[in-house]
């Protein structure tokens, strides 16, 4: 018995189904800004603002972001962040992802803190392809598509604030 004739239609069917799943809508992602949110002498925290759009006719569930955030002269952050959101059909949403970079001891010699500092984001968002078949293939781990995106810009990095005294009843604050 020759298994070739039976195997060929099955392969054609599976190939067609995978191709059909690949033709669905993908999220469009843009990094709109990055901003320092906190700073100590040792590290800086950042917030990266994203705008995600769905041009399709079905929800696009997002799973996670994987990204590399680089601040010129300061350092690099590599990380993952759970997206756990869904982009409704025909709509846009905004999201934020965090980053934290240890600051080099010679930061003032490396970077002019009074000038704009360039940043760059290289990233991807893993999502579930729309539709019933997309959900099945995602759930069984056969197809987990990722849409790549990038962004860049500048911001100013505030100088570390001098340590302020802790508030106490004597200087107007509440007691711990």
C-alpha atoms as a PDB file:
ATOM      1  CA  UNK A   1       0.000   0.000   0.000  1.00  0.00           C
ATOM      2  CA  UNK A   2       1.303   3.443  -0.922  1.00  0.00           C
ATOM      3  CA  UNK A   3       0.697   6.162   1.769  1.00  0.00           C
ATOM      4  CA  UNK A   4       1.571   8.930  -0.710  1.00  0.00           C
ATOM      5  CA  UNK A   5      -1.924   9.581  -2.155  1.00  0.00           C
ATOM      6  CA  UNK A   6      -3.538   9.884   1.295  1.00  0.00           C
ATOM      7  CA  UNK A   7      -0.729  12.020   2.732  1.00  0.00           C
ATOM      8  CA  UNK A   8      -0.746  14.575  -0.090  1.00  0.00           C
ATOM      9  CA  UNK A   9      -4.371  15.781   0.397  1.00  0.00           C
ATOM     10  CA  UNK A  10      -3.800  15.989   4.163  1.00  0.00           C
ATOM     11  CA  UNK A  11      -0.688  18.131   3.676  1.00  0.00           C
ATOM     12  CA  UNK A  12      -2.543  20.373   1.252  1.00  0.00           C
ATOM     13  CA  UNK A  13      -5.381  20.822   3.741  1.00  0.00           C
ATOM     14  CA  UNK A  14      -3.032  21.656   6.641  1.00  0.00           C
ATOM     15  CA  UNK A  15      -1.018  24.057   4.438  1.00  0.00           C
ATOM     16  CA  UNK A  16      -4.184  25.809   3.290  1.00  0.00           C
ATOM     17  CA  UNK A  17      -5.432  26.173   6.867  1.00  0.00           C
ATOM     18  CA  UNK A  18      -2.110  27.613   8.057  1.00  0.00           C
ATOM     19  CA  UNK A  19      -2.053  30.012   5.126  1.00  0.00           C
ATOM     20  CA  UNK A  20      -5.616  31.123   5.877  1.00  0.00           C
ATOM     21  CA  UNK A  21      -4.726  31.815   9.511  1.00  0.00           C
ATOM     22  CA  UNK A  22      -1.736  33.866   8.395  1.00  0.00           C
ATOM     23  CA  UNK A  23      -3.979  36.166   6.333  1.00  0.00           C
ATOM     24  CA  UNK A  24      -5.833  37.655   9.313  1.00  0.00           C
ATOM     25  CA  UNK A  25      -5.362  41.103  10.786  1.00  0.00           C
ATOM     26  CA  UNK A  26      -2.186  41.884  12.710  1.00  0.00           C
ATOM     27  CA  UNK A  27      -1.786  44.555  15.376  1.00  0.00           C
ATOM     28  CA  UNK A  28      -0.162  47.790  14.238  1.00  0.00           C
ATOM     29  CA  UNK A  29       2.109  49.085  17.008  1.00  0.00           C
ATOM     30  CA  UNK A  30       3.859  52.443  17.376  1.00  0.00           C
ATOM     31  CA  UNK A  31       6.117  53.581  20.205  1.00  0.00           C
ATOM     32  CA  UNK A  32       4.910  57.157  20.715  1.00  0.00           C
ATOM     33  CA  UNK A  33       7.180  58.287  23.569  1.00  0.00           C
ATOM     34  CA  UNK A  34       9.553  57.232  26.315  1.00  0.00           C
ATOM     35  CA  UNK A  35       9.889  59.162  29.531  1.00  0.00           C
ATOM     36  CA  UNK A  36      11.964  58.864  32.674  1.00  0.00           C
ATOM     37  CA  UNK A  37       9.608  58.314  35.613  1.00  0.00           C
ATOM     38  CA  UNK A  38      11.990  57.965  38.559  1.00  0.00           C
ATOM     39  CA  UNK A  39      15.686  58.366  39.205  1.00  0.00           C
ATOM     40  CA  UNK A  40      18.142  57.620  41.975  1.00  0.00           C
ATOM     41  CA  UNK A  41      21.925  57.850  41.954  1.00  0.00           C
ATOM     42  CA  UNK A  42      22.041  54.174  40.896  1.00  0.00           C
ATOM     43  CA  UNK A  43      19.185  53.646  38.414  1.00  0.00           C
ATOM     44  CA  UNK A  44      16.532  55.252  36.260  1.00  0.00           C
ATOM     45  CA  UNK A  45      13.035  53.973  35.536  1.00  0.00           C
ATOM     46  CA  UNK A  46      11.274  54.664  32.263  1.00  0.00           C
ATOM     47  CA  UNK A  47       7.782  54.417  30.820  1.00  0.00           C
ATOM     48  CA  UNK A  48       7.416  53.627  27.118  1.00  0.00           C
ATOM     49  CA  UNK A  49       4.093  54.681  25.599  1.00  0.00           C
ATOM     50  CA  UNK A  50       2.593  52.530  22.847  1.00  0.00           C
ATOM     51  CA  UNK A  51      -0.352  52.932  20.493  1.00  0.00           C
ATOM     52  CA  UNK A  52      -1.805  49.676  19.121  1.00  0.00           C
ATOM     53  CA  UNK A  53      -4.399  49.473  16.347  1.00  0.00           C
ATOM     54  CA  UNK A  54      -6.559  46.713  14.906  1.00  0.00           C
ATOM     55  CA  UNK A  55      -7.682  47.303  11.316  1.00  0.00           C
ATOM     56  CA  UNK A  56      -9.449  43.941  11.187  1.00  0.00           C
ATOM     57  CA  UNK A  57     -12.998  42.835  11.905  1.00  0.00           C
ATOM     58  CA  UNK A  58     -12.229  40.558  14.887  1.00  0.00           C
ATOM     59  CA  UNK A  59     -10.605  41.070  18.292  1.00  0.00           C
ATOM     60  CA  UNK A  60      -6.820  40.659  18.483  1.00  0.00           C
ATOM     61  CA  UNK A  61      -5.859  39.270  21.920  1.00  0.00           C
ATOM     62  CA  UNK A  62      -2.325  40.265  22.942  1.00  0.00           C
ATOM     63  CA  UNK A  63      -0.098  37.985  25.015  1.00  0.00           C
ATOM     64  CA  UNK A  64       3.223  39.703  25.715  1.00  0.00           C
ATOM     65  CA  UNK A  65       5.839  42.202  24.649  1.00  0.00           C
ATOM     66  CA  UNK A  66       9.525  41.351  24.285  1.00  0.00           C
ATOM     67  CA  UNK A  67      11.745  44.382  23.902  1.00  0.00           C
ATOM     68  CA  UNK A  68      15.143  46.038  24.064  1.00  0.00           C
ATOM     69  CA  UNK A  69      15.168  49.661  25.240  1.00  0.00           C
ATOM     70  CA  UNK A  70      18.430  51.555  24.674  1.00  0.00           C
ATOM     71  CA  UNK A  71      19.302  54.968  26.059  1.00  0.00           C
ATOM     72  CA  UNK A  72      22.416  56.344  24.355  1.00  0.00           C
ATOM     73  CA  UNK A  73      25.316  56.717  26.747  1.00  0.00           C
ATOM     74  CA  UNK A  74      23.272  55.361  29.651  1.00  0.00           C
ATOM     75  CA  UNK A  75      22.512  51.685  29.080  1.00  0.00           C
ATOM     76  CA  UNK A  76      20.228  48.962  27.784  1.00  0.00           C
ATOM     77  CA  UNK A  77      17.186  47.192  29.206  1.00  0.00           C
ATOM     78  CA  UNK A  78      16.004  43.833  27.822  1.00  0.00           C
ATOM     79  CA  UNK A  79      12.707  42.508  29.055  1.00  0.00           C
ATOM     80  CA  UNK A  80       9.284  40.971  28.674  1.00  0.00           C
ATOM     81  CA  UNK A  81       5.977  42.418  29.767  1.00  0.00           C
ATOM     82  CA  UNK A  82       2.607  40.680  29.857  1.00  0.00           C
ATOM     83  CA  UNK A  83       0.207  42.491  27.555  1.00  0.00           C
ATOM     84  CA  UNK A  84      -3.000  40.714  28.613  1.00  0.00           C
ATOM     85  CA  UNK A  85      -5.198  43.073  26.595  1.00  0.00           C
ATOM     86  CA  UNK A  86      -7.372  42.762  23.536  1.00  0.00           C
ATOM     87  CA  UNK A  87      -7.578  45.262  20.705  1.00  0.00           C
ATOM     88  CA  UNK A  88     -11.218  45.535  19.588  1.00  0.00           C
ATOM     89  CA  UNK A  89     -11.889  45.467  15.845  1.00  0.00           C
ATOM     90  CA  UNK A  90     -11.425  48.800  14.105  1.00  0.00           C
ATOM     91  CA  UNK A  91     -10.064  50.490  17.234  1.00  0.00           C
ATOM     92  CA  UNK A  92      -6.829  51.710  18.818  1.00  0.00           C
ATOM     93  CA  UNK A  93      -5.663  51.358  22.409  1.00  0.00           C
ATOM     94  CA  UNK A  94      -2.752  52.792  24.374  1.00  0.00           C
ATOM     95  CA  UNK A  95      -0.481  50.842  26.676  1.00  0.00           C
ATOM     96  CA  UNK A  96       2.679  51.446  28.673  1.00  0.00           C
ATOM     97  CA  UNK A  97       5.639  49.139  29.201  1.00  0.00           C
ATOM     98  CA  UNK A  98       8.329  49.738  31.819  1.00  0.00           C
ATOM     99  CA  UNK A  99      12.105  49.722  31.698  1.00  0.00           C
ATOM    100  CA  UNK A 100      14.809  50.226  34.302  1.00  0.00           C
ATOM    101  CA  UNK A 101      18.477  50.866  33.617  1.00  0.00           C
ATOM    102  CA  UNK A 102      21.336  50.939  36.128  1.00  0.00           C
ATOM    103  CA  UNK A 103      23.135  54.257  35.821  1.00  0.00           C
ATOM    104  CA  UNK A 104      26.894  54.260  35.297  1.00  0.00           C
ATOM    105  CA  UNK A 105      28.967  56.025  37.945  1.00  0.00           C
ATOM    106  CA  UNK A 106      30.430  58.326  35.301  1.00  0.00           C
ATOM    107  CA  UNK A 107      27.044  59.341  33.858  1.00  0.00           C
ATOM    108  CA  UNK A 108      27.823  63.071  33.960  1.00  0.00           C
ATOM    109  CA  UNK A 109      30.979  62.474  31.869  1.00  0.00           C
ATOM    110  CA  UNK A 110      29.134  60.240  29.352  1.00  0.00           C
ATOM    111  CA  UNK A 111      25.965  62.282  28.864  1.00  0.00           C
ATOM    112  CA  UNK A 112      25.143  65.977  28.789  1.00  0.00           C
ATOM    113  CA  UNK A 113      22.205  65.971  31.218  1.00  0.00           C
ATOM    114  CA  UNK A 114      21.059  69.371  29.937  1.00  0.00           C
ATOM    115  CA  UNK A 115      20.649  68.114  26.346  1.00  0.00           C
ATOM    116  CA  UNK A 116      18.074  65.711  24.888  1.00  0.00           C
ATOM    117  CA  UNK A 117      19.171  62.074  25.166  1.00  0.00           C
ATOM    118  CA  UNK A 118      18.317  59.676  22.312  1.00  0.00           C
ATOM    119  CA  UNK A 119      16.435  56.445  23.031  1.00  0.00           C
ATOM    120  CA  UNK A 120      15.546  53.478  20.810  1.00  0.00           C
ATOM    121  CA  UNK A 121      13.074  50.612  21.195  1.00  0.00           C
ATOM    122  CA  UNK A 122      13.260  47.321  19.258  1.00  0.00           C
ATOM    123  CA  UNK A 123      10.321  45.110  20.155  1.00  0.00           C
ATOM    124  CA  UNK A 124       7.698  42.570  19.241  1.00  0.00           C
ATOM    125  CA  UNK A 125       4.212  41.794  20.517  1.00  0.00           C
ATOM    126  CA  UNK A 126       2.996  38.201  20.573  1.00  0.00           C
ATOM    127  CA  UNK A 127      -0.699  37.898  19.779  1.00  0.00           C
ATOM    128  CA  UNK A 128      -3.316  35.312  18.943  1.00  0.00           C
ATOM    129  CA  UNK A 129      -4.394  35.316  15.306  1.00  0.00           C
ATOM    130  CA  UNK A 130      -8.080  36.189  14.969  1.00  0.00           C
ATOM    131  CA  UNK A 131     -10.698  33.512  14.466  1.00  0.00           C
ATOM    132  CA  UNK A 132     -11.509  30.076  15.780  1.00  0.00           C
ATOM    133  CA  UNK A 133      -8.630  28.344  13.998  1.00  0.00           C
ATOM    134  CA  UNK A 134      -6.193  31.023  15.155  1.00  0.00           C
ATOM    135  CA  UNK A 135      -7.233  30.411  18.765  1.00  0.00           C
ATOM    136  CA  UNK A 136      -6.835  26.643  18.437  1.00  0.00           C
ATOM    137  CA  UNK A 137      -3.396  26.864  16.830  1.00  0.00           C
ATOM    138  CA  UNK A 138      -2.270  29.397  19.449  1.00  0.00           C
ATOM    139  CA  UNK A 139      -3.578  27.297  22.361  1.00  0.00           C
ATOM    140  CA  UNK A 140      -1.807  24.135  21.200  1.00  0.00           C
ATOM    141  CA  UNK A 141       1.413  26.068  20.581  1.00  0.00           C
ATOM    142  CA  UNK A 142       1.545  25.495  16.822  1.00  0.00           C
ATOM    143  CA  UNK A 143       1.312  29.154  15.813  1.00  0.00           C
ATOM    144  CA  UNK A 144       2.131  32.079  18.068  1.00  0.00           C
ATOM    145  CA  UNK A 145       2.641  35.059  15.768  1.00  0.00           C
ATOM    146  CA  UNK A 146       4.685  38.090  16.767  1.00  0.00           C
ATOM    147  CA  UNK A 147       4.461  41.519  15.173  1.00  0.00           C
ATOM    148  CA  UNK A 148       7.759  43.442  15.299  1.00  0.00           C
ATOM    149  CA  UNK A 149       7.919  47.188  15.829  1.00  0.00           C
ATOM    150  CA  UNK A 150      10.417  49.861  16.781  1.00  0.00           C
ATOM    151  CA  UNK A 151      10.556  53.473  17.816  1.00  0.00           C
ATOM    152  CA  UNK A 152      12.945  56.211  18.800  1.00  0.00           C
ATOM    153  CA  UNK A 153      13.032  59.701  20.165  1.00  0.00           C
ATOM    154  CA  UNK A 154      14.661  61.877  22.806  1.00  0.00           C
ATOM    155  CA  UNK A 155      14.011  63.015  26.357  1.00  0.00           C
ATOM    156  CA  UNK A 156      15.922  64.790  29.100  1.00  0.00           C
ATOM    157  CA  UNK A 157      17.131  62.872  32.108  1.00  0.00           C
ATOM    158  CA  UNK A 158      16.668  64.864  35.301  1.00  0.00           C
ATOM    159  CA  UNK A 159      19.576  65.105  37.658  1.00  0.00           C
ATOM    160  CA  UNK A 160      19.161  62.998  40.792  1.00  0.00           C
ATOM    161  CA  UNK A 161      17.336  64.960  43.455  1.00  0.00           C
ATOM    162  CA  UNK A 162      19.093  65.624  46.729  1.00  0.00           C
ATOM    163  CA  UNK A 163      17.839  63.419  49.505  1.00  0.00           C
ATOM    164  CA  UNK A 164      14.953  65.132  51.225  1.00  0.00           C
ATOM    165  CA  UNK A 165      14.427  64.621  54.937  1.00  0.00           C
ATOM    166  CA  UNK A 166      11.688  62.167  55.808  1.00  0.00           C
ATOM    167  CA  UNK A 167       8.486  63.850  56.920  1.00  0.00           C
ATOM    168  CA  UNK A 168       7.852  63.734  60.627  1.00  0.00           C
ATOM    169  CA  UNK A 169       5.402  65.390  63.005  1.00  0.00           C
ATOM    170  CA  UNK A 170       7.993  68.134  63.585  1.00  0.00           C
ATOM    171  CA  UNK A 171       8.122  69.214  59.912  1.00  0.00           C
ATOM    172  CA  UNK A 172       4.444  68.866  59.052  1.00  0.00           C
ATOM    173  CA  UNK A 173       4.211  65.198  58.094  1.00  0.00           C
ATOM    174  CA  UNK A 174       2.477  62.307  59.804  1.00  0.00           C
ATOM    175  CA  UNK A 175       4.186  59.978  62.192  1.00  0.00           C
ATOM    176  CA  UNK A 176       4.908  56.486  60.804  1.00  0.00           C
END
